[in-house]
PDB file of N, CA and C in Angstrom:
ATOM      1  N   UNK A   1     101.769   9.715 -58.215  1.00  0.00           N
ATOM      2  CA  UNK A   1     101.776   8.801 -58.067  1.00  0.00           C
ATOM      3  C   UNK A   1     103.409   8.851 -57.436  1.00  0.00           C
ATOM      4  N   UNK A   2     104.029   9.382 -56.120  1.00  0.00           N
ATOM      5  CA  UNK A   2     105.560   9.405 -56.312  1.00  0.00           C
ATOM      6  C   UNK A   2     105.711   8.726 -54.920  1.00  0.00           C
ATOM      7  N   UNK A   3     107.892   8.663 -55.152  1.00  0.00           N
ATOM      8  CA  UNK A   3     108.266   7.658 -54.211  1.00  0.00           C
ATOM      9  C   UNK A   3     109.316   8.304 -53.398  1.00  0.00           C
ATOM     10  N   UNK A   4     109.084   8.853 -52.763  1.00  0.00           N
ATOM     11  CA  UNK A   4     110.422   9.444 -51.890  1.00  0.00           C
ATOM     12  C   UNK A   4     110.900   8.423 -50.459  1.00  0.00           C
ATOM     13  N   UNK A   5     112.041   8.792 -50.561  1.00  0.00           N
ATOM     14  CA  UNK A   5     112.793   8.438 -49.193  1.00  0.00           C
ATOM     15  C   UNK A   5     113.351   9.494 -48.758  1.00  0.00           C
ATOM     16  N   UNK A   6     113.624   9.762 -48.147  1.00  0.00           N
ATOM     17  CA  UNK A   6     114.332  11.057 -46.954  1.00  0.00           C
ATOM     18  C   UNK A   6     115.544  10.112 -45.987  1.00  0.00           C
ATOM     19  N   UNK A   7     116.666   9.927 -46.470  1.00  0.00           N
ATOM     20  CA  UNK A   7     117.452   9.339 -46.215  1.00  0.00           C
ATOM     21  C   UNK A   7     118.124   9.373 -44.482  1.00  0.00           C
ATOM     22  N   UNK A   8     118.098  11.017 -43.862  1.00  0.00           N
ATOM     23  CA  UNK A   8     118.104  11.456 -42.731  1.00  0.00           C
ATOM     24  C   UNK A   8     117.139  10.573 -41.288  1.00  0.00           C
ATOM     25  N   UNK A   9     116.134  10.590 -42.184  1.00  0.00           N
ATOM     26  CA  UNK A   9     115.198  10.770 -40.864  1.00  0.00           C
ATOM     27  C   UNK A   9     114.538   9.697 -41.281  1.00  0.00           C
ATOM     28  N   UNK A  10     115.111   8.438 -42.617  1.00  0.00           N
ATOM     29  CA  UNK A  10     114.702   6.838 -43.389  1.00  0.00           C
ATOM     30  C   UNK A  10     113.679   6.360 -43.034  1.00  0.00           C
ATOM     31  N   UNK A  11     113.371   7.719 -43.613  1.00  0.00           N
ATOM     32  CA  UNK A  11     111.271   7.909 -43.820  1.00  0.00           C
ATOM     33  C   UNK A  11     111.288   7.607 -45.902  1.00  0.00           C
ATOM     34  N   UNK A  12     110.166   7.089 -45.611  1.00  0.00           N
ATOM     35  CA  UNK A  12     109.566   6.626 -46.621  1.00  0.00           C
ATOM     36  C   UNK A  12     107.987   7.286 -47.885  1.00  0.00           C
ATOM     37  N   UNK A  13     108.206   8.155 -48.735  1.00  0.00           N
ATOM     38  CA  UNK A  13     106.367   8.349 -48.126  1.00  0.00           C
ATOM     39  C   UNK A  13     106.412   8.163 -49.925  1.00  0.00           C
ATOM     40  N   UNK A  14     105.073   7.500 -50.420  1.00  0.00           N
ATOM     41  CA  UNK A  14     104.250   7.099 -51.337  1.00  0.00           C
ATOM     42  C   UNK A  14     102.942   8.182 -51.893  1.00  0.00           C
ATOM     43  N   UNK A  15     102.955   9.406 -52.324  1.00  0.00           N
ATOM     44  CA  UNK A  15     102.565   9.922 -52.779  1.00  0.00           C
ATOM     45  C   UNK A  15     101.446   9.565 -53.860  1.00  0.00           C
ATOM     46  N   UNK A  16     100.271   9.411 -53.257  1.00  0.00           N
ATOM     47  CA  UNK A  16      99.613   8.682 -54.522  1.00  0.00           C
ATOM     48  C   UNK A  16      98.353  10.278 -55.464  1.00  0.00           C
ATOM     49  N   UNK A  17      98.626  10.691 -54.989  1.00  0.00           N
ATOM     50  CA  UNK A  17      97.837  12.244 -55.922  1.00  0.00           C
ATOM     51  C   UNK A  17      98.399  13.619 -54.894  1.00  0.00           C
ATOM     52  N   UNK A  18      98.547  14.572 -55.480  1.00  0.00           N
ATOM     53  CA  UNK A  18      97.839  15.392 -54.809  1.00  0.00           C
ATOM     54  C   UNK A  18      96.888  16.236 -54.959  1.00  0.00           C
ATOM     55  N   UNK A  19      96.375  17.086 -53.513  1.00  0.00           N
ATOM     56  CA  UNK A  19      95.201  17.382 -52.760  1.00  0.00           C
ATOM     57  C   UNK A  19      95.125  18.448 -53.307  1.00  0.00           C
ATOM     58  N   UNK A  20      93.993  19.241 -53.742  1.00  0.00           N
ATOM     59  CA  UNK A  20      92.748  20.388 -54.598  1.00  0.00           C
ATOM     60  C   UNK A  20      93.369  21.126 -54.028  1.00  0.00           C
ATOM     61  N   UNK A  21      94.501  22.021 -54.179  1.00  0.00           N
ATOM     62  CA  UNK A  21      94.371  23.032 -53.177  1.00  0.00           C
ATOM     63  C   UNK A  21      96.360  23.261 -52.252  1.00  0.00           C
ATOM     64  N   UNK A  22      96.383  21.981 -52.072  1.00  0.00           N
ATOM     65  CA  UNK A  22      97.589  22.091 -51.000  1.00  0.00           C
ATOM     66  C   UNK A  22      98.490  22.197 -52.121  1.00  0.00           C
ATOM     67  N   UNK A  23      99.709  21.674 -51.005  1.00  0.00           N
ATOM     68  CA  UNK A  23     101.051  22.251 -51.299  1.00  0.00           C
ATOM     69  C   UNK A  23     101.457  21.392 -53.055  1.00  0.00           C
ATOM     70  N   UNK A  24     101.088  19.950 -52.268  1.00  0.00           N
ATOM     71  CA  UNK A  24     101.618  19.132 -53.644  1.00  0.00           C
ATOM     72  C   UNK A  24     102.753  18.017 -52.877  1.00  0.00           C
ATOM     73  N   UNK A  25     103.597  18.759 -51.842  1.00  0.00           N
ATOM     74  CA  UNK A  25     104.474  18.361 -50.733  1.00  0.00           C
ATOM     75  C   UNK A  25     105.070  17.102 -50.265  1.00  0.00           C
ATOM     76  N   UNK A  26     106.123  16.079 -50.642  1.00  0.00           N
ATOM     77  CA  UNK A  26     105.825  14.455 -50.169  1.00  0.00           C
ATOM     78  C   UNK A  26     105.679  15.128 -48.589  1.00  0.00           C
ATOM     79  N   UNK A  27     105.204  13.449 -48.455  1.00  0.00           N
ATOM     80  CA  UNK A  27     106.060  13.507 -46.718  1.00  0.00           C
ATOM     81  C   UNK A  27     104.538  13.199 -45.721  1.00  0.00           C
ATOM     82  N   UNK A  28     104.806  13.509 -44.645  1.00  0.00           N
ATOM     83  CA  UNK A  28     103.234  12.978 -44.035  1.00  0.00           C
ATOM     84  C   UNK A  28     102.956  14.125 -44.371  1.00  0.00           C
ATOM     85  N   UNK A  29     101.174  13.366 -44.092  1.00  0.00           N
ATOM     86  CA  UNK A  29     100.556  14.927 -44.622  1.00  0.00           C
ATOM     87  C   UNK A  29     100.238  15.753 -45.556  1.00  0.00           C
ATOM     88  N   UNK A  30     102.118  15.604 -46.923  1.00  0.00           N
ATOM     89  CA  UNK A  30     101.330  16.281 -47.749  1.00  0.00           C
ATOM     90  C   UNK A  30     101.832  18.320 -47.727  1.00  0.00           C
ATOM     91  N   UNK A  31     102.971  18.486 -45.782  1.00  0.00           N
ATOM     92  CA  UNK A  31     102.052  19.746 -45.333  1.00  0.00           C
ATOM     93  C   UNK A  31     101.880  20.070 -45.282  1.00  0.00           C
ATOM     94  N   UNK A  32     100.057  19.869 -45.179  1.00  0.00           N
ATOM     95  CA  UNK A  32      98.855  20.370 -45.591  1.00  0.00           C
ATOM     96  C   UNK A  32      98.467  19.634 -44.311  1.00  0.00           C
ATOM     97  N   UNK A  33      97.229  20.895 -43.620  1.00  0.00           N
ATOM     98  CA  UNK A  33      96.223  20.275 -43.099  1.00  0.00           C
ATOM     99  C   UNK A  33      94.903  19.100 -43.726  1.00  0.00           C
ATOM    100  N   UNK A  34      94.884  19.219 -44.288  1.00  0.00           N
ATOM    101  CA  UNK A  34      94.286  18.985 -45.013  1.00  0.00           C
ATOM    102  C   UNK A  34      93.788  17.640 -45.113  1.00  0.00           C
ATOM    103  N   UNK A  35      94.135  16.644 -44.712  1.00  0.00           N
ATOM    104  CA  UNK A  35      94.387  14.868 -44.458  1.00  0.00           C
ATOM    105  C   UNK A  35      94.596  14.668 -43.426  1.00  0.00           C
ATOM    106  N   UNK A  36      93.701  13.859 -42.978  1.00  0.00           N
ATOM    107  CA  UNK A  36      93.589  12.908 -41.521  1.00  0.00           C
ATOM    108  C   UNK A  36      94.309  11.556 -41.529  1.00  0.00           C
ATOM    109  N   UNK A  37      95.121  11.685 -40.477  1.00  0.00           N
ATOM    110  CA  UNK A  37      96.644  10.791 -40.736  1.00  0.00           C
ATOM    111  C   UNK A  37      95.710   9.394 -40.133  1.00  0.00           C
ATOM    112  N   UNK A  38      96.504   8.678 -40.012  1.00  0.00           N
ATOM    113  CA  UNK A  38      95.825   7.183 -39.668  1.00  0.00           C
ATOM    114  C   UNK A  38      97.491   6.022 -39.023  1.00  0.00           C
ATOM    115  N   UNK A  39      97.535   5.899 -37.897  1.00  0.00           N
ATOM    116  CA  UNK A  39      98.541   5.180 -37.540  1.00  0.00           C
ATOM    117  C   UNK A  39      97.862   4.261 -37.851  1.00  0.00           C
ATOM    118  N   UNK A  40      98.627   3.261 -38.365  1.00  0.00           N
ATOM    119  CA  UNK A  40      97.777   1.105 -39.535  1.00  0.00           C
ATOM    120  C   UNK A  40      99.676   1.222 -37.495  1.00  0.00           C
ATOM    121  N   UNK A  41     100.877   1.483 -37.666  1.00  0.00           N
ATOM    122  CA  UNK A  41     100.889   0.329 -36.595  1.00  0.00           C
ATOM    123  C   UNK A  41     103.044   1.859 -36.238  1.00  0.00           C
ATOM    124  N   UNK A  42     103.885   1.181 -35.401  1.00  0.00           N
ATOM    125  CA  UNK A  42     104.330   1.771 -35.509  1.00  0.00           C
ATOM    126  C   UNK A  42     104.876   2.546 -36.141  1.00  0.00           C
ATOM    127  N   UNK A  43     105.545   1.253 -37.328  1.00  0.00           N
ATOM    128  CA  UNK A  43     106.251   1.312 -38.983  1.00  0.00           C
ATOM    129  C   UNK A  43     105.460   2.142 -39.903  1.00  0.00           C
ATOM    130  N   UNK A  44     104.059   2.188 -39.998  1.00  0.00           N
ATOM    131  CA  UNK A  44     103.144   3.401 -41.192  1.00  0.00           C
ATOM    132  C   UNK A  44     102.124   3.781 -40.649  1.00  0.00           C
ATOM    133  N   UNK A  45     101.970   5.144 -41.904  1.00  0.00           N
ATOM    134  CA  UNK A  45     101.118   5.804 -41.161  1.00  0.00           C
ATOM    135  C   UNK A  45     100.022   6.691 -42.846  1.00  0.00           C
ATOM    136  N   UNK A  46      98.620   6.283 -42.323  1.00  0.00           N
ATOM    137  CA  UNK A  46      98.017   6.738 -43.845  1.00  0.00           C
ATOM    138  C   UNK A  46      97.251   7.718 -44.399  1.00  0.00           C
ATOM    139  N   UNK A  47      97.377   8.572 -45.009  1.00  0.00           N
ATOM    140  CA  UNK A  47      96.655   9.976 -44.778  1.00  0.00           C
ATOM    141  C   UNK A  47      95.863  10.135 -45.311  1.00  0.00           C
ATOM    142  N   UNK A  48      94.339  10.380 -45.164  1.00  0.00           N
ATOM    143  CA  UNK A  48      93.611  10.380 -45.897  1.00  0.00           C
ATOM    144  C   UNK A  48      93.155  11.468 -47.161  1.00  0.00           C
ATOM    145  N   UNK A  49      92.990  11.732 -47.470  1.00  0.00           N
ATOM    146  CA  UNK A  49      92.110  13.270 -48.134  1.00  0.00           C
ATOM    147  C   UNK A  49      90.311  13.325 -47.257  1.00  0.00           C
ATOM    148  N   UNK A  50      91.235  14.811 -48.255  1.00  0.00           N
ATOM    149  CA  UNK A  50      89.266  14.407 -47.266  1.00  0.00           C
ATOM    150  C   UNK A  50      88.675  14.469 -48.201  1.00  0.00           C
ATOM    151  N   UNK A  51      88.367  13.693 -49.315  1.00  0.00           N
ATOM    152  CA  UNK A  51      86.910  13.275 -50.147  1.00  0.00           C
ATOM    153  C   UNK A  51      87.410  11.322 -49.750  1.00  0.00           C
ATOM    154  N   UNK A  52      87.896  11.427 -48.965  1.00  0.00           N
ATOM    155  CA  UNK A  52      88.202   9.778 -48.234  1.00  0.00           C
ATOM    156  C   UNK A  52      88.741   9.155 -48.470  1.00  0.00           C
ATOM    157  N   UNK A  53      89.641   9.387 -50.521  1.00  0.00           N
ATOM    158  CA  UNK A  53      91.165   8.574 -50.913  1.00  0.00           C
ATOM    159  C   UNK A  53      91.947   8.070 -50.103  1.00  0.00           C
ATOM    160  N   UNK A  54      92.903   7.560 -50.027  1.00  0.00           N
ATOM    161  CA  UNK A  54      93.587   7.726 -49.732  1.00  0.00           C
ATOM    162  C   UNK A  54      95.185   8.609 -50.808  1.00  0.00           C
ATOM    163  N   UNK A  55      95.506   9.998 -50.351  1.00  0.00           N
ATOM    164  CA  UNK A  55      96.397  11.196 -50.453  1.00  0.00           C
ATOM    165  C   UNK A  55      97.987  10.216 -50.328  1.00  0.00           C
ATOM    166  N   UNK A  56      98.135   9.489 -49.037  1.00  0.00           N
ATOM    167  CA  UNK A  56      99.865   9.010 -48.502  1.00  0.00           C
ATOM    168  C   UNK A  56      99.956   7.950 -48.229  1.00  0.00           C
ATOM    169  N   UNK A  57     100.930   6.735 -48.011  1.00  0.00           N
ATOM    170  CA  UNK A  57     101.565   6.170 -47.133  1.00  0.00           C
ATOM    171  C   UNK A  57     102.623   6.891 -47.144  1.00  0.00           C
ATOM    172  N   UNK A  58     103.478   6.708 -45.517  1.00  0.00           N
ATOM    173  CA  UNK A  58     104.262   6.640 -44.808  1.00  0.00           C
ATOM    174  C   UNK A  58     104.991   5.732 -44.032  1.00  0.00           C
ATOM    175  N   UNK A  59     105.645   4.966 -44.504  1.00  0.00           N
ATOM    176  CA  UNK A  59     106.485   3.979 -43.388  1.00  0.00           C
ATOM    177  C   UNK A  59     107.899   4.557 -43.237  1.00  0.00           C
ATOM    178  N   UNK A  60     107.861   4.439 -42.337  1.00  0.00           N
ATOM    179  CA  UNK A  60     108.792   4.839 -41.328  1.00  0.00           C
ATOM    180  C   UNK A  60     110.045   4.204 -41.262  1.00  0.00           C
ATOM    181  N   UNK A  61     111.147   3.844 -40.009  1.00  0.00           N
ATOM    182  CA  UNK A  61     112.233   2.956 -40.956  1.00  0.00           C
ATOM    183  C   UNK A  61     111.882   1.647 -41.984  1.00  0.00           C
ATOM    184  N   UNK A  62     112.468   3.020 -42.680  1.00  0.00           N
ATOM    185  CA  UNK A  62     112.075   2.905 -44.199  1.00  0.00           C
ATOM    186  C   UNK A  62     112.419   1.811 -45.062  1.00  0.00           C
ATOM    187  N   UNK A  63     114.101   1.841 -44.659  1.00  0.00           N
ATOM    188  CA  UNK A  63     114.985   0.884 -44.874  1.00  0.00           C
ATOM    189  C   UNK A  63     114.901   0.115 -44.707  1.00  0.00           C
ATOM    190  N   UNK A  64     114.347  -0.452 -43.536  1.00  0.00           N
ATOM    191  CA  UNK A  64     114.591  -2.380 -43.410  1.00  0.00           C
ATOM    192  C   UNK A  64     112.818  -3.319 -43.798  1.00  0.00           C
ATOM    193  N   UNK A  65     111.698  -1.687 -44.606  1.00  0.00           N
ATOM    194  CA  UNK A  65     110.449  -2.466 -44.539  1.00  0.00           C
ATOM    195  C   UNK A  65     110.518  -2.510 -45.945  1.00  0.00           C
ATOM    196  N   UNK A  66     111.678  -1.446 -46.315  1.00  0.00           N
ATOM    197  CA  UNK A  66     111.366  -2.070 -48.214  1.00  0.00           C
ATOM    198  C   UNK A  66     112.897  -2.903 -48.911  1.00  0.00           C
ATOM    199  N   UNK A  67     113.674  -3.165 -47.628  1.00  0.00           N
ATOM    200  CA  UNK A  67     115.081  -3.594 -47.893  1.00  0.00           C
ATOM    201  C   UNK A  67     114.573  -4.826 -48.783  1.00  0.00           C
ATOM    202  N   UNK A  68     114.661  -5.626 -49.892  1.00  0.00           N
ATOM    203  CA  UNK A  68     114.476  -6.436 -51.335  1.00  0.00           C
ATOM    204  C   UNK A  68     115.792  -6.583 -51.561  1.00  0.00           C
ATOM    205  N   UNK A  69     116.050  -8.043 -52.595  1.00  0.00           N
ATOM    206  CA  UNK A  69     116.722  -8.806 -52.619  1.00  0.00           C
ATOM    207  C   UNK A  69     117.114  -8.394 -54.717  1.00  0.00           C
ATOM    208  N   UNK A  70     115.993  -7.103 -54.239  1.00  0.00           N
ATOM    209  CA  UNK A  70     115.877  -6.516 -56.530  1.00  0.00           C
ATOM    210  C   UNK A  70     116.531  -5.166 -56.002  1.00  0.00           C
ATOM    211  N   UNK A  71     117.776  -5.106 -55.431  1.00  0.00           N
ATOM    212  CA  UNK A  71     118.642  -3.309 -55.882  1.00  0.00           C
ATOM    213  C   UNK A  71     117.927  -2.782 -55.855  1.00  0.00           C
ATOM    214  N   UNK A  72     116.715  -2.713 -54.958  1.00  0.00           N
ATOM    215  CA  UNK A  72     116.377  -0.648 -54.722  1.00  0.00           C
ATOM    216  C   UNK A  72     115.812  -0.505 -55.948  1.00  0.00           C
ATOM    217  N   UNK A  73     115.083  -1.895 -56.727  1.00  0.00           N
ATOM    218  CA  UNK A  73     114.468  -1.581 -58.181  1.00  0.00           C
ATOM    219  C   UNK A  73     112.896  -1.850 -57.598  1.00  0.00           C
ATOM    220  N   UNK A  74     112.093  -0.700 -57.421  1.00  0.00           N
ATOM    221  CA  UNK A  74     110.172  -0.599 -58.054  1.00  0.00           C
ATOM    222  C   UNK A  74     109.839  -0.895 -59.664  1.00  0.00           C
ATOM    223  N   UNK A  75     109.461  -2.340 -59.345  1.00  0.00           N
ATOM    224  CA  UNK A  75     108.524  -2.749 -60.267  1.00  0.00           C
ATOM    225  C   UNK A  75     106.814  -2.060 -60.314  1.00  0.00           C
ATOM    226  N   UNK A  76     106.399  -2.365 -60.870  1.00  0.00           N
ATOM    227  CA  UNK A  76     105.475  -1.550 -61.700  1.00  0.00           C
ATOM    228  C   UNK A  76     104.702  -2.432 -62.020  1.00  0.00           C
ATOM    229  N   UNK A  77     104.052  -3.500 -61.586  1.00  0.00           N
ATOM    230  CA  UNK A  77     103.138  -5.365 -62.739  1.00  0.00           C
ATOM    231  C   UNK A  77     101.869  -5.196 -62.584  1.00  0.00           C
ATOM    232  N   UNK A  78     101.429  -4.643 -64.152  1.00  0.00           N
ATOM    233  CA  UNK A  78     100.104  -4.532 -64.773  1.00  0.00           C
ATOM    234  C   UNK A  78      99.427  -5.614 -64.000  1.00  0.00           C
ATOM    235  N   UNK A  79      98.589  -6.108 -63.602  1.00  0.00           N
ATOM    236  CA  UNK A  79      97.990  -7.428 -62.678  1.00  0.00           C
ATOM    237  C   UNK A  79      97.512  -8.342 -64.171  1.00  0.00           C
ATOM    238  N   UNK A  80      96.539  -7.115 -65.156  1.00  0.00           N
ATOM    239  CA  UNK A  80      95.171  -7.485 -65.596  1.00  0.00           C
ATOM    240  C   UNK A  80      96.895  -8.421 -67.102  1.00  0.00           C
ATOM    241  N   UNK A  81      97.541  -7.319 -66.858  1.00  0.00           N
ATOM    242  CA  UNK A  81      98.439  -8.581 -68.505  1.00  0.00           C
ATOM    243  C   UNK A  81      99.394  -9.507 -68.210  1.00  0.00           C
ATOM    244  N   UNK A  82      99.835  -8.993 -66.553  1.00  0.00           N
ATOM    245  CA  UNK A  82     100.823  -9.833 -66.565  1.00  0.00           C
ATOM    246  C   UNK A  82     101.647  -9.026 -66.775  1.00  0.00           C
ATOM    247  N   UNK A  83     102.765  -8.050 -67.559  1.00  0.00           N
ATOM    248  CA  UNK A  83     103.007  -6.932 -67.580  1.00  0.00           C
ATOM    249  C   UNK A  83     103.678  -6.260 -66.633  1.00  0.00           C
ATOM    250  N   UNK A  84     105.095  -6.695 -66.372  1.00  0.00           N
ATOM    251  CA  UNK A  84     106.032  -4.938 -65.894  1.00  0.00           C
ATOM    252  C   UNK A  84     106.690  -4.196 -66.095  1.00  0.00           C
ATOM    253  N   UNK A  85     105.405  -2.530 -65.875  1.00  0.00           N
ATOM    254  CA  UNK A  85     106.657  -1.771 -66.047  1.00  0.00           C
ATOM    255  C   UNK A  85     105.740  -0.823 -68.098  1.00  0.00           C
ATOM    256  N   UNK A  86     105.352  -2.517 -68.180  1.00  0.00           N
ATOM    257  CA  UNK A  86     104.512  -1.860 -70.056  1.00  0.00           C
ATOM    258  C   UNK A  86     103.144  -2.044 -70.182  1.00  0.00           C
ATOM    259  N   UNK A  87     103.334  -0.854 -70.715  1.00  0.00           N
ATOM    260  CA  UNK A  87     101.210  -0.663 -71.015  1.00  0.00           C
ATOM    261  C   UNK A  87     101.459  -0.934 -71.833  1.00  0.00           C
ATOM    262  N   UNK A  88      99.725  -1.267 -71.880  1.00  0.00           N
ATOM    263  CA  UNK A  88      99.621  -1.334 -73.462  1.00  0.00           C
ATOM    264  C   UNK A  88      99.645  -0.426 -74.898  1.00  0.00           C
ATOM    265  N   UNK A  89      99.910   0.553 -74.377  1.00  0.00           N
ATOM    266  CA  UNK A  89     100.426   2.119 -74.968  1.00  0.00           C
ATOM    267  C   UNK A  89     102.080   1.703 -76.009  1.00  0.00           C
ATOM    268  N   UNK A  90     103.418   1.196 -74.252  1.00  0.00           N
ATOM    269  CA  UNK A  90     104.184   1.165 -75.162  1.00  0.00           C
ATOM    270  C   UNK A  90     104.025  -0.166 -75.710  1.00  0.00           C
ATOM    271  N   UNK A  91     103.810  -1.565 -76.005  1.00  0.00           N
ATOM    272  CA  UNK A  91     103.448  -2.886 -76.397  1.00  0.00           C
ATOM    273  C   UNK A  91     103.249  -2.393 -77.760  1.00  0.00           C
ATOM    274  N   UNK A  92     102.229  -1.859 -78.321  1.00  0.00           N
ATOM    275  CA  UNK A  92     101.038  -2.076 -79.571  1.00  0.00           C
ATOM    276  C   UNK A  92     102.072  -0.586 -80.006  1.00  0.00           C
ATOM    277  N   UNK A  93     103.138   0.354 -79.201  1.00  0.00           N
ATOM    278  CA  UNK A  93     103.943   1.622 -80.030  1.00  0.00           C
ATOM    279  C   UNK A  93     105.333   0.169 -80.464  1.00  0.00           C
ATOM    280  N   UNK A  94     105.598  -0.461 -79.356  1.00  0.00           N
ATOM    281  CA  UNK A  94     107.165  -0.780 -79.618  1.00  0.00           C
ATOM    282  C   UNK A  94     106.657  -2.671 -80.544  1.00  0.00           C
ATOM    283  N   UNK A  95     105.443  -2.695 -80.904  1.00  0.00           N
ATOM    284  CA  UNK A  95     105.809  -4.434 -81.972  1.00  0.00           C
ATOM    285  C   UNK A  95     105.955  -3.784 -82.856  1.00  0.00           C
ATOM    286  N   UNK A  96     105.030  -3.199 -82.596  1.00  0.00           N
ATOM    287  CA  UNK A  96     104.647  -3.293 -84.728  1.00  0.00           C
ATOM    288  C   UNK A  96     106.510  -2.477 -84.600  1.00  0.00           C
ATOM    289  N   UNK A  97     106.988  -2.125 -85.158  1.00  0.00           N
ATOM    290  CA  UNK A  97     109.186  -1.665 -84.775  1.00  0.00           C
ATOM    291  C   UNK A  97     109.995  -2.996 -84.507  1.00  0.00           C
ATOM    292  N   UNK A  98     109.635  -3.864 -84.017  1.00  0.00           N
ATOM    293  CA  UNK A  98     109.820  -5.776 -84.015  1.00  0.00           C
ATOM    294  C   UNK A  98     110.363  -5.585 -83.296  1.00  0.00           C
ATOM    295  N   UNK A  99     110.150  -4.946 -81.677  1.00  0.00           N
ATOM    296  CA  UNK A  99     110.147  -5.262 -80.736  1.00  0.00           C
ATOM    297  C   UNK A  99     109.139  -6.143 -79.361  1.00  0.00           C
ATOM    298  N   UNK A 100     109.867  -7.222 -78.959  1.00  0.00           N
ATOM    299  CA  UNK A 100     109.548  -7.546 -78.069  1.00  0.00           C
ATOM    300  C   UNK A 100     109.153  -7.733 -76.679  1.00  0.00           C
ATOM    301  N   UNK A 101     108.065  -7.374 -75.879  1.00  0.00           N
ATOM    302  CA  UNK A 101     108.369  -7.492 -75.119  1.00  0.00           C
ATOM    303  C   UNK A 101     109.041  -8.210 -74.093  1.00  0.00           C
ATOM    304  N   UNK A 102     110.117  -9.266 -73.655  1.00  0.00           N
ATOM    305  CA  UNK A 102     110.904  -8.995 -72.875  1.00  0.00           C
ATOM    306  C   UNK A 102     111.594  -7.874 -73.454  1.00  0.00           C
ATOM    307  N   UNK A 103     112.009  -7.226 -74.836  1.00  0.00           N
ATOM    308  CA  UNK A 103     113.325  -6.494 -74.813  1.00  0.00           C
ATOM    309  C   UNK A 103     112.823  -5.265 -74.919  1.00  0.00           C
ATOM    310  N   UNK A 104     111.913  -5.155 -73.991  1.00  0.00           N
ATOM    311  CA  UNK A 104     110.372  -3.488 -73.853  1.00  0.00           C
ATOM    312  C   UNK A 104     111.033  -3.773 -72.456  1.00  0.00           C
ATOM    313  N   UNK A 105     110.700  -5.130 -72.083  1.00  0.00           N
ATOM    314  CA  UNK A 105     111.041  -4.838 -69.972  1.00  0.00           C
ATOM    315  C   UNK A 105     112.738  -4.695 -69.881  1.00  0.00           C
ATOM    316  N   UNK A 106     113.799  -5.212 -70.800  1.00  0.00           N
ATOM    317  CA  UNK A 106     114.749  -5.590 -70.224  1.00  0.00           C
ATOM    318  C   UNK A 106     114.927  -3.631 -70.650  1.00  0.00           C
ATOM    319  N   UNK A 107     114.845  -3.156 -71.911  1.00  0.00           N
ATOM    320  CA  UNK A 107     114.771  -1.620 -71.874  1.00  0.00           C
ATOM    321  C   UNK A 107     114.282  -0.551 -70.847  1.00  0.00           C
ATOM    322  N   UNK A 108     112.768  -0.779 -70.398  1.00  0.00           N
ATOM    323  CA  UNK A 108     112.733  -0.698 -69.481  1.00  0.00           C
ATOM    324  C   UNK A 108     113.149  -1.086 -67.887  1.00  0.00           C
ATOM    325  N   UNK A 109     113.889  -1.280 -67.774  1.00  0.00           N
ATOM    326  CA  UNK A 109     114.345  -2.246 -65.885  1.00  0.00           C
ATOM    327  C   UNK A 109     115.928  -1.203 -66.130  1.00  0.00           C
ATOM    328  N   UNK A 110     117.114  -1.250 -67.912  1.00  0.00           N
ATOM    329  CA  UNK A 110     118.264  -1.339 -67.592  1.00  0.00           C
ATOM    330  C   UNK A 110     118.423  -0.169 -67.662  1.00  0.00           C
ATOM    331  N   UNK A 111     117.560   0.720 -68.727  1.00  0.00           N
ATOM    332  CA  UNK A 111     117.088   1.579 -69.383  1.00  0.00           C
ATOM    333  C   UNK A 111     118.931   1.725 -70.437  1.00  0.00           C
ATOM    334  N   UNK A 112     118.545   1.315 -70.915  1.00  0.00           N
ATOM    335  CA  UNK A 112     120.036   1.678 -71.828  1.00  0.00           C
ATOM    336  C   UNK A 112     118.967   0.538 -73.035  1.00  0.00           C
ATOM    337  N   UNK A 113     119.108   0.822 -73.748  1.00  0.00           N
ATOM    338  CA  UNK A 113     118.743   1.111 -75.611  1.00  0.00           C
ATOM    339  C   UNK A 113     118.833  -0.500 -76.243  1.00  0.00           C
ATOM    340  N   UNK A 114     117.988  -1.486 -76.400  1.00  0.00           N
ATOM    341  CA  UNK A 114     118.311  -2.249 -76.942  1.00  0.00           C
ATOM    342  C   UNK A 114     117.687  -2.634 -78.894  1.00  0.00           C
ATOM    343  N   UNK A 115     118.546  -2.940 -79.196  1.00  0.00           N
ATOM    344  CA  UNK A 115     118.948  -2.884 -81.038  1.00  0.00           C
ATOM    345  C   UNK A 115     117.358  -3.731 -81.224  1.00  0.00           C
ATOM    346  N   UNK A 116     116.538  -3.172 -81.986  1.00  0.00           N
ATOM    347  CA  UNK A 116     115.116  -3.507 -83.164  1.00  0.00           C
ATOM    348  C   UNK A 116     114.868  -3.364 -84.215  1.00  0.00           C
ATOM    349  N   UNK A 117     114.831  -3.680 -85.059  1.00  0.00           N
ATOM    350  CA  UNK A 117     114.660  -2.634 -86.111  1.00  0.00           C
ATOM    351  C   UNK A 117     113.523  -2.882 -86.506  1.00  0.00           C
ATOM    352  N   UNK A 118     113.112  -1.528 -87.084  1.00  0.00           N
ATOM    353  CA  UNK A 118     112.481  -0.513 -87.107  1.00  0.00           C
ATOM    354  C   UNK A 118     111.304  -1.012 -88.083  1.00  0.00           C
ATOM    355  N   UNK A 119     110.310  -1.993 -88.276  1.00  0.00           N
ATOM    356  CA  UNK A 119     109.024  -2.347 -89.014  1.00  0.00           C
ATOM    357  C   UNK A 119     108.228  -1.112 -89.757  1.00  0.00           C
ATOM    358  N   UNK A 120     108.037   0.158 -89.048  1.00  0.00           N
ATOM    359  CA  UNK A 120     107.057   0.741 -88.993  1.00  0.00           C
ATOM    360  C   UNK A 120     107.984   1.978 -90.132  1.00  0.00           C
TER     361      UNK A 120
END
């Protein structure tokens, strides 16, 4: 999955997967005529792959649609565990090393290393 933003045209594009045999580039239709674009509103298009799955979502006037009080951070939250950006794999690898979930979340959020005792 990839999120791109074109500042010149103020367009954001969320690409979920490349199209087999396509160019794989971001942007509406991914530069390919292999997708069908559905206009949802004046500010949103959804590209459908030949197999019927969603290829990508294009947000026009993106800066207004994506404007939040989160300083532009993108958070991916696991709805089962409630973890934000922490996969089960990361938790299983870092837990035995003395990392708590809040420490892992802060490290992922800030990109900084958090001191923790390596118990492994």
